[in-house]
Amino acid sequence: MKNLKMAQKLALLVTLLLVITVVVAGVGIYQLSEFNSRMQQVVNVTAKALENAFKVRNRILQVIRHEKSSVLSTEDNESIRFAELAKGQIKEGNDFRAALSNLLDKSLYNQERALLDEFNRHWDEFQRVQENLLRLSVQNTNSKAWRLIDGELTKKLSEILGISHDIIKSADSEARATEQAKDIGKLMRALRRH
């Protein structure tokens, strides 16, 4: 390097600096593209998956709220309306669940996919129980139960109570009469009747 002229030495140093700058820029571009692809994954898959998961959770809570309203409503029309609202929320939940499943199928999230499969099994069971519960809530509202209790059931229970009091009175009088007569056969019949 001692034999080179100053201009050649400067040219060599500038060329070396340019090569190092190009290498650093290339590494920077590569790192930036990796970062960009990961951010695209986060934005396109993870964020949308989280949004759909939150929407499914929201629909589950709405279904439970409408179910309770359907069970506790005093009027048949209200009960039917809340049951229909719950069924609509279940349909929306199924749509969001399908979108979530599609997003996870495109990605490499194996653990999340396993959790979604487990959730799907529980969701199917929830839907089965919910369908049965909503059917029963529409058929047997609290107002119908109170009408039965206040109406026919109370009348029937008072009739049964009156008959049982009459039977007890007659059994008691028969037992007293047989005790006085000292007839064992009549006493046994009175005891059985009592």
C-alpha atoms as a PDB file:
ATOM      1  CA  MET A   1       0.000   0.000   0.000  1.00  0.00           C
ATOM      2  CA  LYS A   2       3.052   2.222   0.380  1.00  0.00           C
ATOM      3  CA  ASN A   3       3.636   2.221  -3.377  1.00  0.00           C
ATOM      4  CA  LEU A   4       0.097   3.463  -4.237  1.00  0.00           C
ATOM      5  CA  LYS A   5      -0.586   7.081  -4.855  1.00  0.00           C
ATOM      6  CA  MET A   6      -2.735   9.055  -2.481  1.00  0.00           C
ATOM      7  CA  ALA A   7      -5.610   9.225  -5.005  1.00  0.00           C
ATOM      8  CA  GLN A   8      -5.597   5.452  -5.388  1.00  0.00           C
ATOM      9  CA  LYS A   9      -5.600   4.991  -1.601  1.00  0.00           C
ATOM     10  CA  LEU A  10      -8.548   7.353  -1.250  1.00  0.00           C
ATOM     11  CA  ALA A  11     -10.404   5.599  -4.082  1.00  0.00           C
ATOM     12  CA  LEU A  12      -9.812   2.231  -2.409  1.00  0.00           C
ATOM     13  CA  LEU A  13     -11.080   3.541   0.956  1.00  0.00           C
ATOM     14  CA  VAL A  14     -14.177   5.131  -0.628  1.00  0.00           C
ATOM     15  CA  THR A  15     -14.924   1.893  -2.508  1.00  0.00           C
ATOM     16  CA  LEU A  16     -14.552  -0.086   0.722  1.00  0.00           C
ATOM     17  CA  LEU A  17     -16.892   2.304   2.534  1.00  0.00           C
ATOM     18  CA  LEU A  18     -19.437   2.038  -0.285  1.00  0.00           C
ATOM     19  CA  VAL A  19     -19.325  -1.775  -0.175  1.00  0.00           C
ATOM     20  CA  ILE A  20     -19.842  -1.723   3.629  1.00  0.00           C
ATOM     21  CA  THR A  21     -22.722   0.763   3.231  1.00  0.00           C
ATOM     22  CA  VAL A  22     -24.376  -1.456   0.591  1.00  0.00           C
ATOM     23  CA  VAL A  23     -24.002  -4.525   2.854  1.00  0.00           C
ATOM     24  CA  VAL A  24     -25.497  -2.646   5.847  1.00  0.00           C
ATOM     25  CA  ALA A  25     -28.349  -1.354   3.659  1.00  0.00           C
ATOM     26  CA  GLY A  26     -28.998  -4.892   2.337  1.00  0.00           C
ATOM     27  CA  VAL A  27     -29.141  -6.313   5.871  1.00  0.00           C
ATOM     28  CA  GLY A  28     -31.428  -3.447   6.901  1.00  0.00           C
ATOM     29  CA  ILE A  29     -33.770  -4.072   3.979  1.00  0.00           C
ATOM     30  CA  TYR A  30     -33.865  -7.797   4.770  1.00  0.00           C
ATOM     31  CA  GLN A  31     -34.613  -7.137   8.461  1.00  0.00           C
ATOM     32  CA  LEU A  32     -37.260  -4.564   7.557  1.00  0.00           C
ATOM     33  CA  SER A  33     -38.974  -6.994   5.159  1.00  0.00           C
ATOM     34  CA  GLU A  34     -38.972  -9.690   7.887  1.00  0.00           C
ATOM     35  CA  PHE A  35     -40.454  -7.211  10.348  1.00  0.00           C
ATOM     36  CA  ASN A  36     -43.027  -6.150   7.768  1.00  0.00           C
ATOM     37  CA  SER A  37     -44.112  -9.735   7.078  1.00  0.00           C
ATOM     38  CA  ARG A  38     -44.495 -10.398  10.816  1.00  0.00           C
ATOM     39  CA  MET A  39     -46.505  -7.217  11.268  1.00  0.00           C
ATOM     40  CA  GLN A  40     -48.697  -8.215   8.323  1.00  0.00           C
ATOM     41  CA  GLN A  41     -49.252 -11.560  10.076  1.00  0.00           C
ATOM     42  CA  VAL A  42     -50.178  -9.740  13.282  1.00  0.00           C
ATOM     43  CA  VAL A  43     -52.491  -7.318  11.514  1.00  0.00           C
ATOM     44  CA  ASN A  44     -54.094  -9.680   9.017  1.00  0.00           C
ATOM     45  CA  VAL A  45     -54.377 -12.833  11.094  1.00  0.00           C
ATOM     46  CA  THR A  46     -53.870 -12.240  14.794  1.00  0.00           C
ATOM     47  CA  ALA A  47     -55.824  -8.992  15.083  1.00  0.00           C
ATOM     48  CA  LYS A  48     -58.724 -10.324  13.009  1.00  0.00           C
ATOM     49  CA  ALA A  49     -58.686 -13.593  14.948  1.00  0.00           C
ATOM     50  CA  LEU A  50     -58.786 -11.703  18.246  1.00  0.00           C
ATOM     51  CA  GLU A  51     -61.607  -9.528  16.958  1.00  0.00           C
ATOM     52  CA  ASN A  52     -63.627 -12.591  15.923  1.00  0.00           C
ATOM     53  CA  ALA A  53     -62.880 -14.319  19.234  1.00  0.00           C
ATOM     54  CA  PHE A  54     -64.152 -11.273  21.133  1.00  0.00           C
ATOM     55  CA  LYS A  55     -67.266 -11.180  18.945  1.00  0.00           C
ATOM     56  CA  VAL A  56     -67.946 -14.881  19.632  1.00  0.00           C
ATOM     57  CA  ARG A  57     -67.514 -14.266  23.370  1.00  0.00           C
ATOM     58  CA  ASN A  58     -69.866 -11.294  23.164  1.00  0.00           C
ATOM     59  CA  ARG A  59     -72.486 -13.393  21.362  1.00  0.00           C
ATOM     60  CA  ILE A  60     -72.237 -16.108  24.033  1.00  0.00           C
ATOM     61  CA  LEU A  61     -72.897 -13.530  26.743  1.00  0.00           C
ATOM     62  CA  GLN A  62     -75.808 -12.100  24.742  1.00  0.00           C
ATOM     63  CA  VAL A  63     -77.283 -15.581  24.289  1.00  0.00           C
ATOM     64  CA  ILE A  64     -77.106 -16.227  28.024  1.00  0.00           C
ATOM     65  CA  ARG A  65     -78.685 -12.854  28.791  1.00  0.00           C
ATOM     66  CA  HIS A  66     -81.550 -13.433  26.334  1.00  0.00           C
ATOM     67  CA  GLU A  67     -82.000 -16.983  27.652  1.00  0.00           C
ATOM     68  CA  LYS A  68     -82.410 -15.712  31.216  1.00  0.00           C
ATOM     69  CA  SER A  69     -84.835 -13.051  30.032  1.00  0.00           C
ATOM     70  CA  SER A  70     -86.831 -15.701  28.184  1.00  0.00           C
ATOM     71  CA  VAL A  71     -87.027 -17.901  31.267  1.00  0.00           C
ATOM     72  CA  LEU A  72     -87.896 -15.061  33.652  1.00  0.00           C
ATOM     73  CA  SER A  73     -90.391 -13.203  31.463  1.00  0.00           C
ATOM     74  CA  THR A  74     -93.960 -13.065  32.701  1.00  0.00           C
ATOM     75  CA  GLU A  75     -95.612 -12.918  29.295  1.00  0.00           C
ATOM     76  CA  ASP A  76     -95.527 -15.551  26.569  1.00  0.00           C
ATOM     77  CA  ASN A  77     -94.864 -12.997  23.821  1.00  0.00           C
ATOM     78  CA  GLU A  78     -91.838 -11.620  25.673  1.00  0.00           C
ATOM     79  CA  SER A  79     -90.518 -15.120  26.235  1.00  0.00           C
ATOM     80  CA  ILE A  80     -90.830 -15.934  22.534  1.00  0.00           C
ATOM     81  CA  ARG A  81     -89.157 -12.646  21.559  1.00  0.00           C
ATOM     82  CA  PHE A  82     -86.182 -13.249  23.863  1.00  0.00           C
ATOM     83  CA  ALA A  83     -85.857 -16.842  22.641  1.00  0.00           C
ATOM     84  CA  GLU A  84     -85.736 -15.601  19.031  1.00  0.00           C
ATOM     85  CA  LEU A  85     -83.118 -12.999  19.974  1.00  0.00           C
ATOM     86  CA  ALA A  86     -81.021 -15.738  21.589  1.00  0.00           C
ATOM     87  CA  LYS A  87     -81.293 -17.906  18.465  1.00  0.00           C
ATOM     88  CA  GLY A  88     -80.192 -14.945  16.323  1.00  0.00           C
ATOM     89  CA  GLN A  89     -77.164 -14.394  18.552  1.00  0.00           C
ATOM     90  CA  ILE A  90     -76.278 -18.083  18.222  1.00  0.00           C
ATOM     91  CA  LYS A  91     -76.353 -17.759  14.411  1.00  0.00           C
ATOM     92  CA  GLU A  92     -74.091 -14.698  14.544  1.00  0.00           C
ATOM     93  CA  GLY A  93     -71.749 -16.535  16.905  1.00  0.00           C
ATOM     94  CA  ASN A  94     -71.565 -19.416  14.424  1.00  0.00           C
ATOM     95  CA  ASP A  95     -70.652 -16.980  11.640  1.00  0.00           C
ATOM     96  CA  PHE A  96     -67.843 -15.405  13.679  1.00  0.00           C
ATOM     97  CA  ARG A  97     -66.644 -18.844  14.771  1.00  0.00           C
ATOM     98  CA  ALA A  98     -66.446 -19.953  11.116  1.00  0.00           C
ATOM     99  CA  ALA A  99     -64.493 -16.799  10.216  1.00  0.00           C
ATOM    100  CA  LEU A 100     -62.116 -17.461  13.107  1.00  0.00           C
ATOM    101  CA  SER A 101     -61.662 -21.041  11.952  1.00  0.00           C
ATOM    102  CA  ASN A 102     -60.855 -19.858   8.405  1.00  0.00           C
ATOM    103  CA  LEU A 103     -58.264 -17.410   9.717  1.00  0.00           C
ATOM    104  CA  LEU A 104     -56.559 -20.040  11.841  1.00  0.00           C
ATOM    105  CA  ASP A 105     -56.558 -22.535   8.960  1.00  0.00           C
ATOM    106  CA  LYS A 106     -54.472 -20.092   6.909  1.00  0.00           C
ATOM    107  CA  SER A 107     -51.932 -19.548   9.670  1.00  0.00           C
ATOM    108  CA  LEU A 108     -49.426 -21.742  11.442  1.00  0.00           C
ATOM    109  CA  TYR A 109     -50.931 -21.344  14.923  1.00  0.00           C
ATOM    110  CA  ASN A 110     -51.230 -24.998  15.942  1.00  0.00           C
ATOM    111  CA  GLN A 111     -51.887 -24.383  19.634  1.00  0.00           C
ATOM    112  CA  GLU A 112     -54.623 -21.856  18.898  1.00  0.00           C
ATOM    113  CA  ARG A 113     -56.147 -24.259  16.375  1.00  0.00           C
ATOM    114  CA  ALA A 114     -56.265 -27.010  19.031  1.00  0.00           C
ATOM    115  CA  LEU A 115     -57.928 -24.593  21.454  1.00  0.00           C
ATOM    116  CA  LEU A 116     -60.470 -23.648  18.786  1.00  0.00           C
ATOM    117  CA  ASP A 117     -61.263 -27.323  18.163  1.00  0.00           C
ATOM    118  CA  GLU A 118     -61.870 -27.799  21.883  1.00  0.00           C
ATOM    119  CA  PHE A 119     -64.031 -24.670  21.943  1.00  0.00           C
ATOM    120  CA  ASN A 120     -66.022 -26.007  18.974  1.00  0.00           C
ATOM    121  CA  ARG A 121     -66.869 -29.175  20.914  1.00  0.00           C
ATOM    122  CA  HIS A 122     -68.057 -27.109  23.882  1.00  0.00           C
ATOM    123  CA  TRP A 123     -69.934 -24.700  21.610  1.00  0.00           C
ATOM    124  CA  ASP A 124     -71.833 -27.567  19.976  1.00  0.00           C
ATOM    125  CA  GLU A 125     -72.840 -28.881  23.420  1.00  0.00           C
ATOM    126  CA  PHE A 126     -73.821 -25.350  24.475  1.00  0.00           C
ATOM    127  CA  GLN A 127     -76.028 -24.999  21.402  1.00  0.00           C
ATOM    128  CA  ARG A 128     -77.732 -28.333  22.078  1.00  0.00           C
ATOM    129  CA  VAL A 129     -78.500 -27.407  25.690  1.00  0.00           C
ATOM    130  CA  GLN A 130     -79.494 -23.883  24.688  1.00  0.00           C
ATOM    131  CA  GLU A 131     -81.936 -25.113  22.058  1.00  0.00           C
ATOM    132  CA  ASN A 132     -83.646 -27.390  24.572  1.00  0.00           C
ATOM    133  CA  LEU A 133     -83.709 -24.687  27.237  1.00  0.00           C
ATOM    134  CA  LEU A 134     -85.186 -22.086  24.900  1.00  0.00           C
ATOM    135  CA  ARG A 135     -87.834 -24.528  23.752  1.00  0.00           C
ATOM    136  CA  LEU A 136     -88.808 -25.207  27.367  1.00  0.00           C
ATOM    137  CA  SER A 137     -88.718 -21.518  28.306  1.00  0.00           C
ATOM    138  CA  VAL A 138     -91.271 -20.726  25.609  1.00  0.00           C
ATOM    139  CA  GLN A 139     -93.519 -23.649  26.515  1.00  0.00           C
ATOM    140  CA  ASN A 140     -93.460 -23.229  30.286  1.00  0.00           C
ATOM    141  CA  THR A 141     -93.306 -19.613  31.314  1.00  0.00           C
ATOM    142  CA  ASN A 142     -93.573 -18.407  34.888  1.00  0.00           C
ATOM    143  CA  SER A 143     -96.978 -16.866  34.182  1.00  0.00           C
ATOM    144  CA  LYS A 144     -98.337 -20.274  33.152  1.00  0.00           C
ATOM    145  CA  ALA A 145     -96.893 -21.824  36.303  1.00  0.00           C
ATOM    146  CA  TRP A 146     -98.484 -19.189  38.544  1.00  0.00           C
ATOM    147  CA  ARG A 147    -101.837 -19.627  36.796  1.00  0.00           C
ATOM    148  CA  LEU A 148    -101.624 -23.368  37.412  1.00  0.00           C
ATOM    149  CA  ILE A 149    -100.673 -22.882  41.062  1.00  0.00           C
ATOM    150  CA  ASP A 150    -103.321 -20.237  41.733  1.00  0.00           C
ATOM    151  CA  GLY A 151    -106.044 -21.946  39.729  1.00  0.00           C
ATOM    152  CA  GLU A 152    -106.552 -25.654  39.360  1.00  0.00           C
ATOM    153  CA  LEU A 153    -103.710 -26.844  41.571  1.00  0.00           C
ATOM    154  CA  THR A 154    -104.889 -24.873  44.609  1.00  0.00           C
ATOM    155  CA  LYS A 155    -108.463 -26.095  44.124  1.00  0.00           C
ATOM    156  CA  LYS A 156    -107.364 -29.728  43.759  1.00  0.00           C
ATOM    157  CA  LEU A 157    -105.092 -29.516  46.803  1.00  0.00           C
ATOM    158  CA  SER A 158    -107.891 -28.061  48.950  1.00  0.00           C
ATOM    159  CA  GLU A 159    -110.232 -30.859  47.785  1.00  0.00           C
ATOM    160  CA  ILE A 160    -107.597 -33.492  48.631  1.00  0.00           C
ATOM    161  CA  LEU A 161    -107.012 -31.850  52.006  1.00  0.00           C
ATOM    162  CA  GLY A 162    -110.761 -31.860  52.753  1.00  0.00           C
ATOM    163  CA  ILE A 163    -111.122 -35.537  51.783  1.00  0.00           C
ATOM    164  CA  SER A 164    -108.116 -36.530  53.866  1.00  0.00           C
ATOM    165  CA  HIS A 165    -109.512 -34.665  56.904  1.00  0.00           C
ATOM    166  CA  ASP A 166    -112.853 -36.484  56.475  1.00  0.00           C
ATOM    167  CA  ILE A 167    -111.086 -39.863  56.240  1.00  0.00           C
ATOM    168  CA  ILE A 168    -108.995 -39.120  59.338  1.00  0.00           C
ATOM    169  CA  LYS A 169    -112.101 -38.049  61.295  1.00  0.00           C
ATOM    170  CA  SER A 170    -114.039 -41.163  60.314  1.00  0.00           C
ATOM    171  CA  ALA A 171    -111.023 -43.385  61.083  1.00  0.00           C
ATOM    172  CA  ASP A 172    -110.635 -41.729  64.501  1.00  0.00           C
ATOM    173  CA  SER A 173    -114.348 -42.091  65.351  1.00  0.00           C
ATOM    174  CA  GLU A 174    -114.323 -45.700  64.154  1.00  0.00           C
ATOM    175  CA  ALA A 175    -111.201 -46.413  66.257  1.00  0.00           C
ATOM    176  CA  ARG A 176    -112.874 -44.915  69.362  1.00  0.00           C
ATOM    177  CA  ALA A 177    -116.028 -46.933  68.733  1.00  0.00           C
ATOM    178  CA  THR A 178    -114.096 -50.189  68.315  1.00  0.00           C
ATOM    179  CA  GLU A 179    -112.035 -49.496  71.435  1.00  0.00           C
ATOM    180  CA  GLN A 180    -115.201 -49.194  73.412  1.00  0.00           C
ATOM    181  CA  ALA A 181    -116.646 -52.364  71.868  1.00  0.00           C
ATOM    182  CA  LYS A 182    -113.301 -54.179  72.266  1.00  0.00           C
ATOM    183  CA  ASP A 183    -113.603 -55.850  68.836  1.00  0.00           C
ATOM    184  CA  ILE A 184    -110.082 -56.649  67.588  1.00  0.00           C
ATOM    185  CA  GLY A 185    -111.083 -57.148  63.909  1.00  0.00           C
ATOM    186  CA  LYS A 186    -112.798 -53.752  63.701  1.00  0.00           C
ATOM    187  CA  LEU A 187    -109.876 -52.154  65.552  1.00  0.00           C
ATOM    188  CA  MET A 188    -107.385 -53.562  63.001  1.00  0.00           C
ATOM    189  CA  ARG A 189    -109.513 -52.310  60.077  1.00  0.00           C
ATOM    190  CA  ALA A 190    -109.699 -48.858  61.681  1.00  0.00           C
ATOM    191  CA  LEU A 191    -105.936 -48.798  62.189  1.00  0.00           C
ATOM    192  CA  ARG A 192    -105.312 -49.812  58.572  1.00  0.00           C
ATOM    193  CA  ARG A 193    -107.693 -47.143  57.381  1.00  0.00           C
ATOM    194  CA  HIS A 194    -106.007 -44.591  59.610  1.00  0.00           C
END
